[in-house]
N, C-alpha and C. Protein backbone atom coordinates (compact mmCIF):
# COMPACT_ATOMS: atom_id res chain seq x y z
N PHE A 1 87.73 106.46 112.70
CA PHE A 1 88.36 107.42 113.54
C PHE A 1 87.71 109.16 113.31
N ASP A 2 86.72 108.98 112.07
CA ASP A 2 85.94 110.46 111.87
C ASP A 2 84.61 110.10 111.86
N GLY A 3 84.16 111.82 113.00
CA GLY A 3 82.71 110.53 114.06
C GLY A 3 81.86 111.19 112.64
N ASP A 4 82.06 111.39 111.91
CA ASP A 4 80.75 112.17 110.79
C ASP A 4 80.80 110.83 109.49
N VAL A 5 81.67 109.95 109.70
CA VAL A 5 81.29 108.50 108.44
C VAL A 5 80.78 107.54 109.45
N ALA A 6 79.46 107.02 108.67
CA ALA A 6 78.93 106.29 109.04
C ALA A 6 79.89 104.98 108.98
N VAL A 7 79.42 104.11 109.48
CA VAL A 7 80.16 102.66 109.31
C VAL A 7 78.95 101.67 109.10
N SER A 8 79.36 100.70 108.15
CA SER A 8 78.69 100.03 107.25
C SER A 8 79.46 98.70 106.66
N ILE A 9 78.52 97.98 105.96
CA ILE A 9 79.48 96.67 105.41
C ILE A 9 80.73 97.33 104.71
N GLN A 10 80.64 98.46 103.90
CA GLN A 10 81.91 98.87 103.49
C GLN A 10 83.05 98.85 104.69
N THR A 11 82.74 98.91 105.75
CA THR A 11 83.61 99.10 106.36
C THR A 11 84.65 97.79 106.50
N ASP A 12 83.77 96.86 107.08
CA ASP A 12 84.49 95.83 107.23
C ASP A 12 85.05 94.91 105.53
N LEU A 13 84.00 95.76 104.61
CA LEU A 13 84.90 94.82 103.35
C LEU A 13 86.49 95.61 103.13
N TRP A 14 86.28 96.89 103.57
CA TRP A 14 87.87 97.62 103.74
C TRP A 14 88.50 97.23 104.40
N SER A 15 88.51 96.79 105.50
CA SER A 15 89.12 95.76 106.65
C SER A 15 89.55 94.59 105.85
N LEU A 16 88.92 93.75 105.40
CA LEU A 16 89.08 92.88 104.50
C LEU A 16 90.36 92.90 103.39
N GLY A 17 90.04 93.87 103.03
CA GLY A 17 90.82 94.68 102.09
C GLY A 17 92.45 94.58 102.43
N VAL A 18 92.37 94.98 103.71
CA VAL A 18 93.64 95.50 104.60
C VAL A 18 94.25 94.01 104.90
N LEU A 19 93.23 93.00 105.36
CA LEU A 19 93.87 91.57 105.69
C LEU A 19 94.32 90.90 104.37
N ILE A 20 93.90 90.86 103.49
CA ILE A 20 94.45 90.66 102.30
C ILE A 20 95.83 91.06 101.66
N PHE A 21 95.82 92.10 101.76
CA PHE A 21 96.71 92.72 101.21
C PHE A 21 97.91 92.70 102.57
N GLU A 22 97.87 92.42 103.82
CA GLU A 22 98.74 92.07 104.55
C GLU A 22 99.10 90.49 104.88
N CYS A 23 98.51 89.50 104.18
CA CYS A 23 97.89 87.81 103.72
C CYS A 23 99.33 87.91 102.65
N LEU A 24 99.08 88.65 101.51
CA LEU A 24 99.77 88.78 100.59
C LEU A 24 100.89 89.50 100.64
N SER A 25 101.22 90.21 101.11
CA SER A 25 102.74 91.21 101.56
C SER A 25 103.28 90.87 102.26
N GLY A 26 102.53 90.81 103.21
CA GLY A 26 103.27 90.64 104.39
C GLY A 26 103.51 91.80 105.65
N VAL A 27 103.31 92.98 105.17
CA VAL A 27 103.33 94.19 105.77
C VAL A 27 101.85 94.80 105.45
N LEU A 28 101.46 95.75 106.76
CA LEU A 28 100.68 96.63 106.96
C LEU A 28 100.36 97.66 106.19
N PRO A 29 99.41 97.78 105.08
CA PRO A 29 99.23 98.87 104.16
C PRO A 29 99.17 100.20 104.57
N PHE A 30 99.19 100.55 105.61
CA PHE A 30 99.30 101.98 106.52
C PHE A 30 100.49 102.16 107.38
N ALA A 31 101.36 102.93 107.48
CA ALA A 31 102.42 102.74 108.57
C ALA A 31 102.87 101.44 109.17
N LYS A 32 103.24 100.84 107.96
CA LYS A 32 103.58 99.63 108.17
C LYS A 32 105.62 99.39 109.09
N GLU A 33 105.71 100.67 109.28
CA GLU A 33 106.86 100.77 110.69
C GLU A 33 106.39 100.81 111.76
N GLU A 34 105.13 101.59 111.98
CA GLU A 34 104.72 101.77 113.24
C GLU A 34 104.11 101.34 113.98
N HIS A 35 104.19 101.48 115.71
CA HIS A 35 103.11 100.78 116.49
C HIS A 35 102.35 101.45 117.29
N ASP A 36 102.81 103.05 117.16
CA ASP A 36 101.80 103.76 117.58
C ASP A 36 100.25 104.34 117.24
N ARG A 37 99.45 104.13 117.79
CA ARG A 37 98.02 103.68 117.19
C ARG A 37 97.60 104.96 116.53
N ASN A 38 98.19 106.29 117.39
CA ASN A 38 97.71 107.78 116.79
C ASN A 38 97.93 107.91 115.14
N ARG A 39 99.46 107.52 115.28
CA ARG A 39 100.25 107.38 114.43
C ARG A 39 99.33 106.59 112.95
N ILE A 40 99.33 105.41 112.93
CA ILE A 40 98.38 104.81 112.31
C ILE A 40 97.31 105.50 111.76
N ALA A 41 96.42 105.68 112.82
CA ALA A 41 95.22 106.24 112.35
C ALA A 41 95.19 107.04 111.84
N TYR A 42 96.30 107.92 112.09
CA TYR A 42 96.37 109.46 110.98
C TYR A 42 96.79 108.88 109.98
N ALA A 43 97.71 107.40 109.69
CA ALA A 43 98.10 106.98 108.19
C ALA A 43 96.80 106.58 107.78
N ILE A 44 95.76 106.04 107.50
CA ILE A 44 94.59 105.29 107.47
C ILE A 44 94.05 106.56 107.15
N VAL A 45 93.65 107.76 107.59
CA VAL A 45 92.26 108.34 107.49
C VAL A 45 93.26 109.31 105.88
N ASN A 46 94.83 109.52 105.98
CA ASN A 46 95.27 110.71 105.07
C ASN A 46 96.25 109.83 104.15
N LYS A 47 96.37 109.10 104.25
CA LYS A 47 97.82 108.66 103.40
C LYS A 47 96.65 107.11 102.39
N THR A 48 97.36 107.18 101.18
CA THR A 48 97.07 105.98 100.34
C THR A 48 97.68 104.76 100.11
N ALA A 49 97.10 103.74 100.25
CA ALA A 49 97.63 102.50 100.47
C ALA A 49 98.88 101.88 99.29
N PRO A 50 99.44 101.68 99.13
CA PRO A 50 100.63 101.67 98.24
C PRO A 50 100.20 100.47 97.22
N GLU A 51 100.56 99.96 96.34
CA GLU A 51 100.01 98.92 95.53
C GLU A 51 100.50 98.12 95.66
N LEU A 52 100.32 96.63 96.10
CA LEU A 52 100.95 95.56 96.09
C LEU A 52 101.92 95.34 95.23
N SER A 53 102.01 95.45 93.92
CA SER A 53 102.83 94.91 93.06
C SER A 53 104.41 95.99 93.70
N ASP A 54 104.04 97.03 94.44
CA ASP A 54 104.87 98.45 94.83
C ASP A 54 105.90 97.29 96.25
N VAL A 55 105.29 96.18 97.06
CA VAL A 55 105.39 96.02 98.12
C VAL A 55 106.14 94.49 98.10
N ILE A 56 105.49 93.75 97.39
CA ILE A 56 106.26 92.58 97.19
C ILE A 56 107.45 92.64 95.93
N GLU A 57 108.58 92.12 96.57
CA GLU A 57 109.83 92.28 95.86
C GLU A 57 109.94 91.33 94.63
N GLU A 58 109.08 90.14 95.08
CA GLU A 58 109.15 89.29 93.66
C GLU A 58 108.55 89.84 92.32
N VAL A 59 109.30 89.76 91.69
CA VAL A 59 108.77 90.73 90.19
C VAL A 59 107.37 89.87 89.56
N GLY A 60 106.06 89.92 89.29
CA GLY A 60 104.98 89.38 89.16
C GLY A 60 104.44 87.92 90.28
N ALA A 61 105.02 88.36 91.10
CA ALA A 61 104.55 87.17 92.29
C ALA A 61 103.13 87.31 92.34
N VAL A 62 101.93 88.31 92.13
CA VAL A 62 101.13 89.07 92.23
C VAL A 62 100.57 89.64 90.86
N SER A 63 99.88 88.95 90.75
CA SER A 63 98.56 89.42 89.29
C SER A 63 98.08 90.93 88.91
N GLU A 64 98.70 91.44 87.95
CA GLU A 64 97.67 93.08 88.11
C GLU A 64 96.27 93.22 88.03
N GLY A 65 95.73 91.93 87.84
CA GLY A 65 93.88 91.46 88.64
C GLY A 65 93.73 91.46 90.06
N MET A 66 95.33 90.87 91.12
CA MET A 66 94.67 91.00 92.57
C MET A 66 95.03 92.24 92.71
N VAL A 67 96.14 93.13 92.11
CA VAL A 67 96.60 94.51 92.50
C VAL A 67 95.76 95.44 92.61
N ALA A 68 94.69 95.06 91.44
CA ALA A 68 93.62 96.02 91.47
C ALA A 68 92.52 95.75 92.24
N PHE A 69 92.02 94.47 92.41
CA PHE A 69 90.93 94.25 93.18
C PHE A 69 91.51 94.66 94.42
N VAL A 70 93.22 94.69 95.32
CA VAL A 70 93.21 94.96 96.55
C VAL A 70 92.94 96.78 96.27
N GLN A 71 93.03 97.29 95.56
CA GLN A 71 93.07 98.55 95.37
C GLN A 71 92.13 98.93 95.55
N GLN A 72 91.16 98.56 94.99
CA GLN A 72 89.73 98.73 95.12
C GLN A 72 89.12 98.74 96.28
N ALA A 73 89.02 97.12 97.06
CA ALA A 73 88.73 97.04 98.27
C ALA A 73 89.23 97.92 99.49
N LEU A 74 90.81 99.17 99.42
CA LEU A 74 91.40 99.81 100.36
C LEU A 74 90.88 100.93 99.75
N GLN A 75 89.80 101.68 98.97
CA GLN A 75 89.60 103.17 98.53
C GLN A 75 88.93 103.54 99.44
N LYS A 76 89.63 105.05 99.63
CA LYS A 76 88.78 105.55 101.20
C LYS A 76 87.36 105.92 100.70
N ASP A 77 87.22 106.64 98.90
CA ASP A 77 86.06 106.76 98.54
C ASP A 77 85.03 105.68 98.67
N LEU A 78 83.51 105.83 99.55
CA LEU A 78 83.32 104.94 99.22
C LEU A 78 82.25 104.25 97.60
N SER A 79 82.11 105.27 97.08
CA SER A 79 82.53 104.89 95.77
C SER A 79 82.93 104.67 94.72
N GLN A 80 83.98 104.59 95.26
CA GLN A 80 85.14 103.45 94.23
C GLN A 80 85.51 102.10 94.70
N ARG A 81 84.70 101.96 96.14
CA ARG A 81 85.06 100.59 96.89
C ARG A 81 83.76 99.62 96.65
N PHE A 82 84.44 98.52 97.06
CA PHE A 82 83.28 97.42 96.82
C PHE A 82 81.88 98.20 97.67
N GLY A 83 80.78 97.80 97.22
CA GLY A 83 79.35 98.51 97.93
C GLY A 83 78.86 97.28 98.37
N THR A 84 79.47 95.82 97.67
CA THR A 84 78.27 94.93 98.98
C THR A 84 79.00 93.74 98.29
N ALA A 85 79.49 92.77 99.65
CA ALA A 85 80.27 91.33 100.30
C ALA A 85 79.85 91.07 98.83
N ALA A 86 78.73 90.62 97.88
CA ALA A 86 78.74 90.15 96.66
C ALA A 86 79.22 91.06 95.43
N GLU A 87 79.22 92.32 95.94
CA GLU A 87 79.97 92.66 94.47
C GLU A 87 81.68 92.36 94.47
N MET A 88 82.11 92.02 95.86
CA MET A 88 83.68 91.94 95.91
C MET A 88 84.01 90.13 95.84
N THR A 89 83.00 89.76 95.95
CA THR A 89 82.81 88.15 95.67
C THR A 89 83.22 88.01 94.36
N ALA A 90 82.16 88.75 93.85
CA ALA A 90 82.07 88.54 92.03
C ALA A 90 83.40 89.05 91.14
N ALA A 91 83.94 90.28 92.14
CA ALA A 91 85.01 90.70 91.01
C ALA A 91 86.22 89.50 91.32
N LEU A 92 85.96 88.87 92.36
CA LEU A 92 86.97 88.19 93.20
C LEU A 92 87.07 86.87 92.77
N ASP A 93 86.09 86.35 92.02
CA ASP A 93 85.33 85.17 91.22
C ASP A 93 86.03 85.52 89.94
N GLU A 94 85.83 86.60 89.09
CA GLU A 94 85.77 87.39 87.79
C GLU A 94 87.58 87.22 87.08
N MET A 95 88.27 87.52 88.69
CA MET A 95 89.88 87.58 88.41
C MET A 95 90.30 86.18 88.63
N LEU A 96 89.83 84.99 89.45
CA LEU A 96 90.13 83.72 89.77
C LEU A 96 89.83 83.16 88.41
N THR A 97 88.75 83.51 87.78
CA THR A 97 88.42 82.38 86.31
C THR A 97 89.45 82.85 84.97
N MET A 98 89.87 84.59 85.44
CA MET A 98 90.81 84.72 83.97
C MET A 98 91.39 83.74 83.25
N SER A 99 91.87 83.79 82.47
CA SER A 99 93.20 82.87 81.65
C SER A 99 94.43 84.18 81.60
N GLY A 100 95.55 83.68 81.33
CA GLY A 100 96.63 84.19 80.98
C GLY A 100 97.19 84.82 81.66
N ASP A 101 97.64 86.05 81.35
CA ASP A 101 98.38 87.06 82.19
C ASP A 101 97.56 88.26 83.28
N ASP A 102 96.27 87.82 82.89
CA ASP A 102 95.63 88.47 84.04
C ASP A 102 95.09 87.36 85.18
N ALA A 103 94.98 86.20 85.03
CA ALA A 103 94.53 85.72 85.82
C ALA A 103 95.34 85.71 87.43
N PHE A 104 94.68 85.12 88.35
CA PHE A 104 95.07 85.34 89.89
C PHE A 104 96.53 84.80 90.04
N GLY A 105 97.82 85.27 90.49
CA GLY A 105 98.75 84.16 90.31
C GLY A 105 99.24 84.88 91.78
N LEU A 106 100.01 83.94 92.05
CA LEU A 106 100.61 84.14 93.29
C LEU A 106 102.04 83.00 93.74
N PHE A 107 103.22 83.55 94.06
CA PHE A 107 104.33 83.00 94.28
C PHE A 107 104.20 82.43 95.51
N ILE A 108 104.31 81.09 96.17
CA ILE A 108 104.39 81.21 97.63
C ILE A 108 105.84 80.18 97.62
N SER A 109 106.68 80.87 98.44
CA SER A 109 107.40 80.09 98.78
C SER A 109 107.58 79.25 99.99
């Protein structure tokens, strides 16, 4: 949406973050009630995605680790976002192998 921003692998990783957010919550992270492309584009550029735990109604449905993972994937600041697919994969693998309350969790009904 911004002509001064170069498209890179981080763009694809951000898109994957959007997809993961939608798969886990059932809603889009930006302008979830909108169908107008201009308003959606405005929201993507100017608004921060909500945390999964604020969108999913079931308490504890998604672990804190998954919330943090998705938030990092959706960062607008490239220095805060996953830099490579390998980095994103490693973060996901680490989260999946954790034990206890920090382990990946998702209630599926």
